[in-house]
Amino acid sequence: STALPAGLGSDGLPIGLQAGGAAYRTRLAFYFTRLPA
């Protein structure tokens, strides 16, 4: 899994999400985080 930013909350602080993938598919989880960014 990897964390990804999802913007700022109403208080101006970051909100984070995480993308988790299937075992041994680390690259897919990392690649996915590029899309919301």
PDB file of all heavy atoms in Angstrom:
ATOM      1  N   SER A   1       0.844  -1.190   0.000  1.00  0.00           N
ATOM      2  CA  SER A   1       0.000   0.000   0.000  1.00  0.00           C
ATOM      3  C   SER A   1       0.877   1.237   0.000  1.00  0.00           C
ATOM      4  O   SER A   1       2.053   1.178   0.339  1.00  0.00           O
ATOM      5  CB  SER A   1      -0.936   0.022   1.210  1.00  0.00           C
ATOM      6  OG  SER A   1      -0.202   0.231   2.390  1.00  0.00           O
ATOM      7  N   THR A   2       0.262   2.327  -0.376  1.00  0.00           N
ATOM      8  CA  THR A   2       0.956   3.607  -0.346  1.00  0.00           C
ATOM      9  C   THR A   2      -0.058   4.694  -0.053  1.00  0.00           C
ATOM     10  O   THR A   2      -1.248   4.536  -0.343  1.00  0.00           O
ATOM     11  CB  THR A   2       1.697   3.874  -1.672  1.00  0.00           C
ATOM     12  OG1 THR A   2       2.494   5.043  -1.529  1.00  0.00           O
ATOM     13  CG2 THR A   2       0.746   4.025  -2.833  1.00  0.00           C
ATOM     14  N   ALA A   3       0.402   5.753   0.557  1.00  0.00           N
ATOM     15  CA  ALA A   3      -0.473   6.871   0.890  1.00  0.00           C
ATOM     16  C   ALA A   3      -0.489   7.863  -0.262  1.00  0.00           C
ATOM     17  O   ALA A   3       0.478   7.982  -1.007  1.00  0.00           O
ATOM     18  CB  ALA A   3       0.021   7.557   2.159  1.00  0.00           C
ATOM     19  N   LEU A   4      -1.619   8.548  -0.392  1.00  0.00           N
ATOM     20  CA  LEU A   4      -1.735   9.568  -1.421  1.00  0.00           C
ATOM     21  C   LEU A   4      -2.544  10.733  -0.883  1.00  0.00           C
ATOM     22  O   LEU A   4      -3.441  10.549  -0.062  1.00  0.00           O
ATOM     23  CB  LEU A   4      -2.378   9.009  -2.690  1.00  0.00           C
ATOM     24  CG  LEU A   4      -3.796   8.472  -2.581  1.00  0.00           C
ATOM     25  CD1 LEU A   4      -4.591   8.896  -3.804  1.00  0.00           C
ATOM     26  CD2 LEU A   4      -3.752   6.957  -2.508  1.00  0.00           C
ATOM     27  N   PRO A   5      -2.203  11.944  -1.303  1.00  0.00           N
ATOM     28  CA  PRO A   5      -2.937  13.112  -0.829  1.00  0.00           C
ATOM     29  C   PRO A   5      -4.300  13.201  -1.512  1.00  0.00           C
ATOM     30  O   PRO A   5      -4.453  12.836  -2.672  1.00  0.00           O
ATOM     31  CB  PRO A   5      -2.045  14.284  -1.226  1.00  0.00           C
ATOM     32  CG  PRO A   5      -1.269  13.787  -2.392  1.00  0.00           C
ATOM     33  CD  PRO A   5      -1.088  12.308  -2.172  1.00  0.00           C
ATOM     34  N   ALA A   6      -5.271  13.685  -0.764  1.00  0.00           N
ATOM     35  CA  ALA A   6      -6.619  13.848  -1.315  1.00  0.00           C
ATOM     36  C   ALA A   6      -7.105  15.283  -1.146  1.00  0.00           C
ATOM     37  O   ALA A   6      -8.294  15.533  -1.084  1.00  0.00           O
ATOM     38  CB  ALA A   6      -7.576  12.875  -0.637  1.00  0.00           C
ATOM     39  N   GLY A   7      -6.180  16.217  -1.025  1.00  0.00           N
ATOM     40  CA  GLY A   7      -6.554  17.608  -0.870  1.00  0.00           C
ATOM     41  C   GLY A   7      -6.453  18.064   0.568  1.00  0.00           C
ATOM     42  O   GLY A   7      -5.897  17.378   1.420  1.00  0.00           O
ATOM     43  N   LEU A   8      -7.017  19.236   0.828  1.00  0.00           N
ATOM     44  CA  LEU A   8      -6.979  19.817   2.169  1.00  0.00           C
ATOM     45  C   LEU A   8      -8.373  19.810   2.780  1.00  0.00           C
ATOM     46  O   LEU A   8      -9.365  20.009   2.079  1.00  0.00           O
ATOM     47  CB  LEU A   8      -6.449  21.255   2.107  1.00  0.00           C
ATOM     48  CG  LEU A   8      -5.046  21.424   1.523  1.00  0.00           C
ATOM     49  CD1 LEU A   8      -4.689  22.907   1.431  1.00  0.00           C
ATOM     50  CD2 LEU A   8      -4.022  20.666   2.326  1.00  0.00           C
ATOM     51  N   GLY A   9      -8.436  19.581   4.081  1.00  0.00           N
ATOM     52  CA  GLY A   9      -9.704  19.628   4.794  1.00  0.00           C
ATOM     53  C   GLY A   9     -10.137  21.061   5.042  1.00  0.00           C
ATOM     54  O   GLY A   9      -9.431  22.023   4.705  1.00  0.00           O
ATOM     55  N   SER A  10     -11.289  21.237   5.665  1.00  0.00           N
ATOM     56  CA  SER A  10     -11.819  22.578   5.924  1.00  0.00           C
ATOM     57  C   SER A  10     -10.912  23.390   6.841  1.00  0.00           C
ATOM     58  O   SER A  10     -10.943  24.612   6.826  1.00  0.00           O
ATOM     59  CB  SER A  10     -13.227  22.471   6.520  1.00  0.00           C
ATOM     60  OG  SER A  10     -13.184  21.750   7.737  1.00  0.00           O
ATOM     61  N   ASP A  11     -10.073  22.699   7.636  1.00  0.00           N
ATOM     62  CA  ASP A  11      -9.125  23.398   8.511  1.00  0.00           C
ATOM     63  C   ASP A  11      -7.802  23.686   7.822  1.00  0.00           C
ATOM     64  O   ASP A  11      -6.871  24.202   8.429  1.00  0.00           O
ATOM     65  CB  ASP A  11      -8.890  22.581   9.778  1.00  0.00           C
ATOM     66  CG  ASP A  11      -8.376  21.180   9.499  1.00  0.00           C
ATOM     67  OD1 ASP A  11      -8.186  20.824   8.302  1.00  0.00           O
ATOM     68  OD2 ASP A  11      -8.162  20.423  10.461  1.00  0.00           O
ATOM     69  N   GLY A  12      -7.692  23.335   6.523  1.00  0.00           N
ATOM     70  CA  GLY A  12      -6.483  23.602   5.764  1.00  0.00           C
ATOM     71  C   GLY A  12      -5.404  22.551   5.900  1.00  0.00           C
ATOM     72  O   GLY A  12      -4.334  22.677   5.313  1.00  0.00           O
ATOM     73  N   LEU A  13      -5.664  21.489   6.673  1.00  0.00           N
ATOM     74  CA  LEU A  13      -4.669  20.434   6.848  1.00  0.00           C
ATOM     75  C   LEU A  13      -4.911  19.309   5.844  1.00  0.00           C
ATOM     76  O   LEU A  13      -6.047  19.066   5.431  1.00  0.00           O
ATOM     77  CB  LEU A  13      -4.714  19.901   8.284  1.00  0.00           C
ATOM     78  CG  LEU A  13      -4.293  20.910   9.354  1.00  0.00           C
ATOM     79  CD1 LEU A  13      -4.498  20.344  10.749  1.00  0.00           C
ATOM     80  CD2 LEU A  13      -2.843  21.326   9.162  1.00  0.00           C
ATOM     81  N   PRO A  14      -3.844  18.588   5.451  1.00  0.00           N
ATOM     82  CA  PRO A  14      -3.976  17.551   4.422  1.00  0.00           C
ATOM     83  C   PRO A  14      -4.861  16.375   4.857  1.00  0.00           C
ATOM     84  O   PRO A  14      -4.894  16.011   6.028  1.00  0.00           O
ATOM     85  CB  PRO A  14      -2.539  17.057   4.222  1.00  0.00           C
ATOM     86  CG  PRO A  14      -1.674  18.117   4.777  1.00  0.00           C
ATOM     87  CD  PRO A  14      -2.457  18.784   5.858  1.00  0.00           C
ATOM     88  N   ILE A  15      -5.540  15.816   3.873  1.00  0.00           N
ATOM     89  CA  ILE A  15      -6.309  14.591   4.055  1.00  0.00           C
ATOM     90  C   ILE A  15      -5.607  13.521   3.231  1.00  0.00           C
ATOM     91  O   ILE A  15      -5.271  13.754   2.065  1.00  0.00           O
ATOM     92  CB  ILE A  15      -7.761  14.752   3.570  1.00  0.00           C
ATOM     93  CG1 ILE A  15      -8.470  15.807   4.422  1.00  0.00           C
ATOM     94  CG2 ILE A  15      -8.504  13.418   3.621  1.00  0.00           C
ATOM     95  CD1 ILE A  15      -9.862  16.153   3.919  1.00  0.00           C
ATOM     96  N   GLY A  16      -5.371  12.368   3.839  1.00  0.00           N
ATOM     97  CA  GLY A  16      -4.668  11.303   3.133  1.00  0.00           C
ATOM     98  C   GLY A  16      -5.548  10.092   2.912  1.00  0.00           C
ATOM     99  O   GLY A  16      -6.416   9.768   3.723  1.00  0.00           O
ATOM    100  N   LEU A  17      -5.336   9.443   1.796  1.00  0.00           N
ATOM    101  CA  LEU A  17      -5.958   8.162   1.486  1.00  0.00           C
ATOM    102  C   LEU A  17      -4.843   7.139   1.351  1.00  0.00           C
ATOM    103  O   LEU A  17      -3.672   7.492   1.283  1.00  0.00           O
ATOM    104  CB  LEU A  17      -6.734   8.237   0.169  1.00  0.00           C
ATOM    105  CG  LEU A  17      -7.930   9.170   0.126  1.00  0.00           C
ATOM    106  CD1 LEU A  17      -8.505   9.221  -1.288  1.00  0.00           C
ATOM    107  CD2 LEU A  17      -8.992   8.723   1.120  1.00  0.00           C
ATOM    108  N   GLN A  18      -5.215   5.883   1.307  1.00  0.00           N
ATOM    109  CA  GLN A  18      -4.230   4.862   0.996  1.00  0.00           C
ATOM    110  C   GLN A  18      -4.785   3.945  -0.073  1.00  0.00           C
ATOM    111  O   GLN A  18      -5.988   3.701  -0.129  1.00  0.00           O
ATOM    112  CB  GLN A  18      -3.802   4.079   2.231  1.00  0.00           C
ATOM    113  CG  GLN A  18      -4.876   3.236   2.870  1.00  0.00           C
ATOM    114  CD  GLN A  18      -4.340   2.473   4.070  1.00  0.00           C
ATOM    115  OE1 GLN A  18      -3.151   2.192   4.177  1.00  0.00           O
ATOM    116  NE2 GLN A  18      -5.224   2.133   4.987  1.00  0.00           N
ATOM    117  N   ALA A  19      -3.897   3.501  -0.932  1.00  0.00           N
ATOM    118  CA  ALA A  19      -4.249   2.561  -1.985  1.00  0.00           C
ATOM    119  C   ALA A  19      -3.546   1.255  -1.666  1.00  0.00           C
ATOM    120  O   ALA A  19      -2.326   1.215  -1.529  1.00  0.00           O
ATOM    121  CB  ALA A  19      -3.800   3.090  -3.342  1.00  0.00           C
ATOM    122  N   GLY A  20      -4.327   0.213  -1.509  1.00  0.00           N
ATOM    123  CA  GLY A  20      -3.776  -1.104  -1.231  1.00  0.00           C
ATOM    124  C   GLY A  20      -4.025  -2.014  -2.409  1.00  0.00           C
ATOM    125  O   GLY A  20      -5.038  -1.897  -3.101  1.00  0.00           O
ATOM    126  N   GLY A  21      -3.093  -2.910  -2.636  1.00  0.00           N
ATOM    127  CA  GLY A  21      -3.217  -3.832  -3.753  1.00  0.00           C
ATOM    128  C   GLY A  21      -3.031  -5.270  -3.319  1.00  0.00           C
ATOM    129  O   GLY A  21      -2.743  -5.557  -2.160  1.00  0.00           O
ATOM    130  N   ALA A  22      -3.172  -6.150  -4.276  1.00  0.00           N
ATOM    131  CA  ALA A  22      -2.996  -7.578  -4.023  1.00  0.00           C
ATOM    132  C   ALA A  22      -1.530  -7.868  -3.698  1.00  0.00           C
ATOM    133  O   ALA A  22      -0.628  -7.115  -4.078  1.00  0.00           O
ATOM    134  CB  ALA A  22      -3.431  -8.376  -5.248  1.00  0.00           C
ATOM    135  N   ALA A  23      -1.326  -8.958  -3.000  1.00  0.00           N
ATOM    136  CA  ALA A  23       0.034  -9.373  -2.669  1.00  0.00           C
ATOM    137  C   ALA A  23       0.885  -9.442  -3.930  1.00  0.00           C
ATOM    138  O   ALA A  23       0.422  -9.897  -4.980  1.00  0.00           O
ATOM    139  CB  ALA A  23       0.004 -10.738  -1.978  1.00  0.00           C
ATOM    140  N   TYR A  24       2.092  -8.945  -3.833  1.00  0.00           N
ATOM    141  CA  TYR A  24       3.083  -8.949  -4.906  1.00  0.00           C
ATOM    142  C   TYR A  24       2.724  -8.041  -6.082  1.00  0.00           C
ATOM    143  O   TYR A  24       3.293  -8.158  -7.141  1.00  0.00           O
ATOM    144  CB  TYR A  24       3.349 -10.379  -5.397  1.00  0.00           C
ATOM    145  CG  TYR A  24       3.623 -11.328  -4.266  1.00  0.00           C
ATOM    146  CD1 TYR A  24       2.706 -12.302  -3.911  1.00  0.00           C
ATOM    147  CD2 TYR A  24       4.786 -11.212  -3.507  1.00  0.00           C
ATOM    148  CE1 TYR A  24       2.938 -13.148  -2.846  1.00  0.00           C
ATOM    149  CE2 TYR A  24       5.032 -12.055  -2.441  1.00  0.00           C
ATOM    150  CZ  TYR A  24       4.100 -13.019  -2.115  1.00  0.00           C
ATOM    151  OH  TYR A  24       4.341 -13.852  -1.056  1.00  0.00           O
ATOM    152  N   ARG A  25       1.786  -7.130  -5.875  1.00  0.00           N
ATOM    153  CA  ARG A  25       1.430  -6.177  -6.930  1.00  0.00           C
ATOM    154  C   ARG A  25       1.691  -4.742  -6.453  1.00  0.00           C
ATOM    155  O   ARG A  25       0.873  -3.852  -6.638  1.00  0.00           O
ATOM    156  CB  ARG A  25      -0.026  -6.358  -7.339  1.00  0.00           C
ATOM    157  CG  ARG A  25      -0.262  -7.702  -7.992  1.00  0.00           C
ATOM    158  CD  ARG A  25      -1.524  -7.725  -8.783  1.00  0.00           C
ATOM    159  NE  ARG A  25      -1.729  -9.054  -9.318  1.00  0.00           N
ATOM    160  CZ  ARG A  25      -2.905  -9.634  -9.391  1.00  0.00           C
ATOM    161  NH1 ARG A  25      -3.983  -9.009  -8.987  1.00  0.00           N
ATOM    162  NH2 ARG A  25      -3.004 -10.839  -9.895  1.00  0.00           N
ATOM    163  N   THR A  26       2.846  -4.545  -5.881  1.00  0.00           N
ATOM    164  CA  THR A  26       3.227  -3.252  -5.329  1.00  0.00           C
ATOM    165  C   THR A  26       3.212  -2.162  -6.395  1.00  0.00           C
ATOM    166  O   THR A  26       2.731  -1.061  -6.154  1.00  0.00           O
ATOM    167  CB  THR A  26       4.625  -3.349  -4.692  1.00  0.00           C
ATOM    168  OG1 THR A  26       4.614  -4.408  -3.739  1.00  0.00           O
ATOM    169  CG2 THR A  26       5.015  -2.053  -4.016  1.00  0.00           C
ATOM    170  N   ARG A  27       3.716  -2.465  -7.558  1.00  0.00           N
ATOM    171  CA  ARG A  27       3.794  -1.450  -8.612  1.00  0.00           C
ATOM    172  C   ARG A  27       2.415  -0.920  -8.987  1.00  0.00           C
ATOM    173  O   ARG A  27       2.268   0.263  -9.296  1.00  0.00           O
ATOM    174  CB  ARG A  27       4.482  -2.003  -9.844  1.00  0.00           C
ATOM    175  CG  ARG A  27       5.955  -2.172  -9.654  1.00  0.00           C
ATOM    176  CD  ARG A  27       6.600  -2.632 -10.933  1.00  0.00           C
ATOM    177  NE  ARG A  27       8.010  -2.858 -10.693  1.00  0.00           N
ATOM    178  CZ  ARG A  27       8.838  -3.269 -11.606  1.00  0.00           C
ATOM    179  NH1 ARG A  27       8.412  -3.509 -12.836  1.00  0.00           N
ATOM    180  NH2 ARG A  27      10.102  -3.460 -11.322  1.00  0.00           N
ATOM    181  N   LEU A  28       1.403  -1.779  -8.974  1.00  0.00           N
ATOM    182  CA  LEU A  28       0.055  -1.330  -9.323  1.00  0.00           C
ATOM    183  C   LEU A  28      -0.446  -0.314  -8.300  1.00  0.00           C
ATOM    184  O   LEU A  28      -1.012   0.717  -8.663  1.00  0.00           O
ATOM    185  CB  LEU A  28      -0.900  -2.516  -9.423  1.00  0.00           C
ATOM    186  CG  LEU A  28      -2.338  -2.176  -9.798  1.00  0.00           C
ATOM    187  CD1 LEU A  28      -2.406  -1.511 -11.173  1.00  0.00           C
ATOM    188  CD2 LEU A  28      -3.189  -3.442  -9.791  1.00  0.00           C
ATOM    189  N   ALA A  29      -0.232  -0.575  -7.015  1.00  0.00           N
ATOM    190  CA  ALA A  29      -0.657   0.371  -5.973  1.00  0.00           C
ATOM    191  C   ALA A  29       0.070   1.704  -6.147  1.00  0.00           C
ATOM    192  O   ALA A  29      -0.538   2.769  -6.051  1.00  0.00           O
ATOM    193  CB  ALA A  29      -0.400  -0.206  -4.584  1.00  0.00           C
ATOM    194  N   PHE A  30       1.368   1.655  -6.415  1.00  0.00           N
ATOM    195  CA  PHE A  30       2.125   2.890  -6.601  1.00  0.00           C
ATOM    196  C   PHE A  30       1.684   3.621  -7.863  1.00  0.00           C
ATOM    197  O   PHE A  30       1.546   4.832  -7.871  1.00  0.00           O
ATOM    198  CB  PHE A  30       3.621   2.600  -6.663  1.00  0.00           C
ATOM    199  CG  PHE A  30       4.232   2.242  -5.337  1.00  0.00           C
ATOM    200  CD1 PHE A  30       5.523   1.779  -5.274  1.00  0.00           C
ATOM    201  CD2 PHE A  30       3.534   2.361  -4.157  1.00  0.00           C
ATOM    202  CE1 PHE A  30       6.105   1.444  -4.063  1.00  0.00           C
ATOM    203  CE2 PHE A  30       4.087   2.035  -2.937  1.00  0.00           C
ATOM    204  CZ  PHE A  30       5.382   1.578  -2.897  1.00  0.00           C
ATOM    205  N   TYR A  31       1.470   2.881  -8.936  1.00  0.00           N
ATOM    206  CA  TYR A  31       1.041   3.506 -10.189  1.00  0.00           C
ATOM    207  C   TYR A  31      -0.315   4.192 -10.012  1.00  0.00           C
ATOM    208  O   TYR A  31      -0.523   5.287 -10.513  1.00  0.00           O
ATOM    209  CB  TYR A  31       0.961   2.473 -11.315  1.00  0.00           C
ATOM    210  CG  TYR A  31       0.408   3.065 -12.586  1.00  0.00           C
ATOM    211  CD1 TYR A  31       1.192   3.887 -13.386  1.00  0.00           C
ATOM    212  CD2 TYR A  31      -0.907   2.847 -12.956  1.00  0.00           C
ATOM    213  CE1 TYR A  31       0.683   4.463 -14.540  1.00  0.00           C
ATOM    214  CE2 TYR A  31      -1.427   3.418 -14.106  1.00  0.00           C
ATOM    215  CZ  TYR A  31      -0.639   4.221 -14.887  1.00  0.00           C
ATOM    216  OH  TYR A  31      -1.153   4.798 -16.013  1.00  0.00           O
ATOM    217  N   PHE A  32      -1.214   3.538  -9.296  1.00  0.00           N
ATOM    218  CA  PHE A  32      -2.546   4.101  -9.088  1.00  0.00           C
ATOM    219  C   PHE A  32      -2.478   5.483  -8.464  1.00  0.00           C
ATOM    220  O   PHE A  32      -3.262   6.366  -8.815  1.00  0.00           O
ATOM    221  CB  PHE A  32      -3.394   3.174  -8.218  1.00  0.00           C
ATOM    222  CG  PHE A  32      -4.711   3.791  -7.834  1.00  0.00           C
ATOM    223  CD1 PHE A  32      -5.775   3.769  -8.719  1.00  0.00           C
ATOM    224  CD2 PHE A  32      -4.864   4.416  -6.610  1.00  0.00           C
ATOM    225  CE1 PHE A  32      -6.978   4.366  -8.388  1.00  0.00           C
ATOM    226  CE2 PHE A  32      -6.068   5.018  -6.276  1.00  0.00           C
ATOM    227  CZ  PHE A  32      -7.123   4.980  -7.163  1.00  0.00           C
ATOM    228  N   THR A  33      -1.550   5.716  -7.543  1.00  0.00           N
ATOM    229  CA  THR A  33      -1.490   7.002  -6.838  1.00  0.00           C
ATOM    230  C   THR A  33      -1.181   8.162  -7.775  1.00  0.00           C
ATOM    231  O   THR A  33      -1.462   9.304  -7.443  1.00  0.00           O
ATOM    232  CB  THR A  33      -0.468   6.985  -5.692  1.00  0.00           C
ATOM    233  OG1 THR A  33       0.841   6.775  -6.230  1.00  0.00           O
ATOM    234  CG2 THR A  33      -0.799   5.917  -4.672  1.00  0.00           C
ATOM    235  N   ARG A  34      -0.634   7.887  -8.935  1.00  0.00           N
ATOM    236  CA  ARG A  34      -0.373   8.958  -9.903  1.00  0.00           C
ATOM    237  C   ARG A  34      -1.674   9.544 -10.456  1.00  0.00           C
ATOM    238  O   ARG A  34      -1.731  10.721 -10.784  1.00  0.00           O
ATOM    239  CB  ARG A  34       0.449   8.434 -11.070  1.00  0.00           C
ATOM    240  CG  ARG A  34       1.835   8.030 -10.710  1.00  0.00           C
ATOM    241  CD  ARG A  34       2.531   7.524 -11.946  1.00  0.00           C
ATOM    242  NE  ARG A  34       3.835   7.008 -11.616  1.00  0.00           N
ATOM    243  CZ  ARG A  34       4.622   6.422 -12.477  1.00  0.00           C
ATOM    244  NH1 ARG A  34       4.245   6.281 -13.729  1.00  0.00           N
ATOM    245  NH2 ARG A  34       5.793   5.976 -12.098  1.00  0.00           N
ATOM    246  N   LEU A  35      -2.694   8.723 -10.579  1.00  0.00           N
ATOM    247  CA  LEU A  35      -3.942   9.172 -11.199  1.00  0.00           C
ATOM    248  C   LEU A  35      -4.631  10.275 -10.399  1.00  0.00           C
ATOM    249  O   LEU A  35      -4.926  11.331 -10.957  1.00  0.00           O
ATOM    250  CB  LEU A  35      -4.865   7.973 -11.436  1.00  0.00           C
ATOM    251  CG  LEU A  35      -4.249   6.842 -12.278  1.00  0.00           C
ATOM    252  CD1 LEU A  35      -5.180   5.646 -12.328  1.00  0.00           C
ATOM    253  CD2 LEU A  35      -3.901   7.333 -13.661  1.00  0.00           C
ATOM    254  N   PRO A  36      -4.890  10.095  -9.104  1.00  0.00           N
ATOM    255  CA  PRO A  36      -5.490  11.215  -8.348  1.00  0.00           C
ATOM    256  C   PRO A  36      -4.566  12.433  -8.286  1.00  0.00           C
ATOM    257  O   PRO A  36      -5.034  13.562  -8.305  1.00  0.00           O
ATOM    258  CB  PRO A  36      -5.716  10.635  -6.951  1.00  0.00           C
ATOM    259  CG  PRO A  36      -5.718   9.159  -7.131  1.00  0.00           C
ATOM    260  CD  PRO A  36      -4.819   8.882  -8.302  1.00  0.00           C
ATOM    261  N   ALA A  37      -3.263  12.196  -8.220  1.00  0.00           N
ATOM    262  CA  ALA A  37      -2.323  13.330  -8.169  1.00  0.00           C
ATOM    263  C   ALA A  37      -2.440  14.185  -9.424  1.00  0.00           C
ATOM    264  O   ALA A  37      -2.332  15.411  -9.361  1.00  0.00           O
ATOM    265  CB  ALA A  37      -0.895  12.825  -8.005  1.00  0.00           C
TER     266      ALA A  37
END
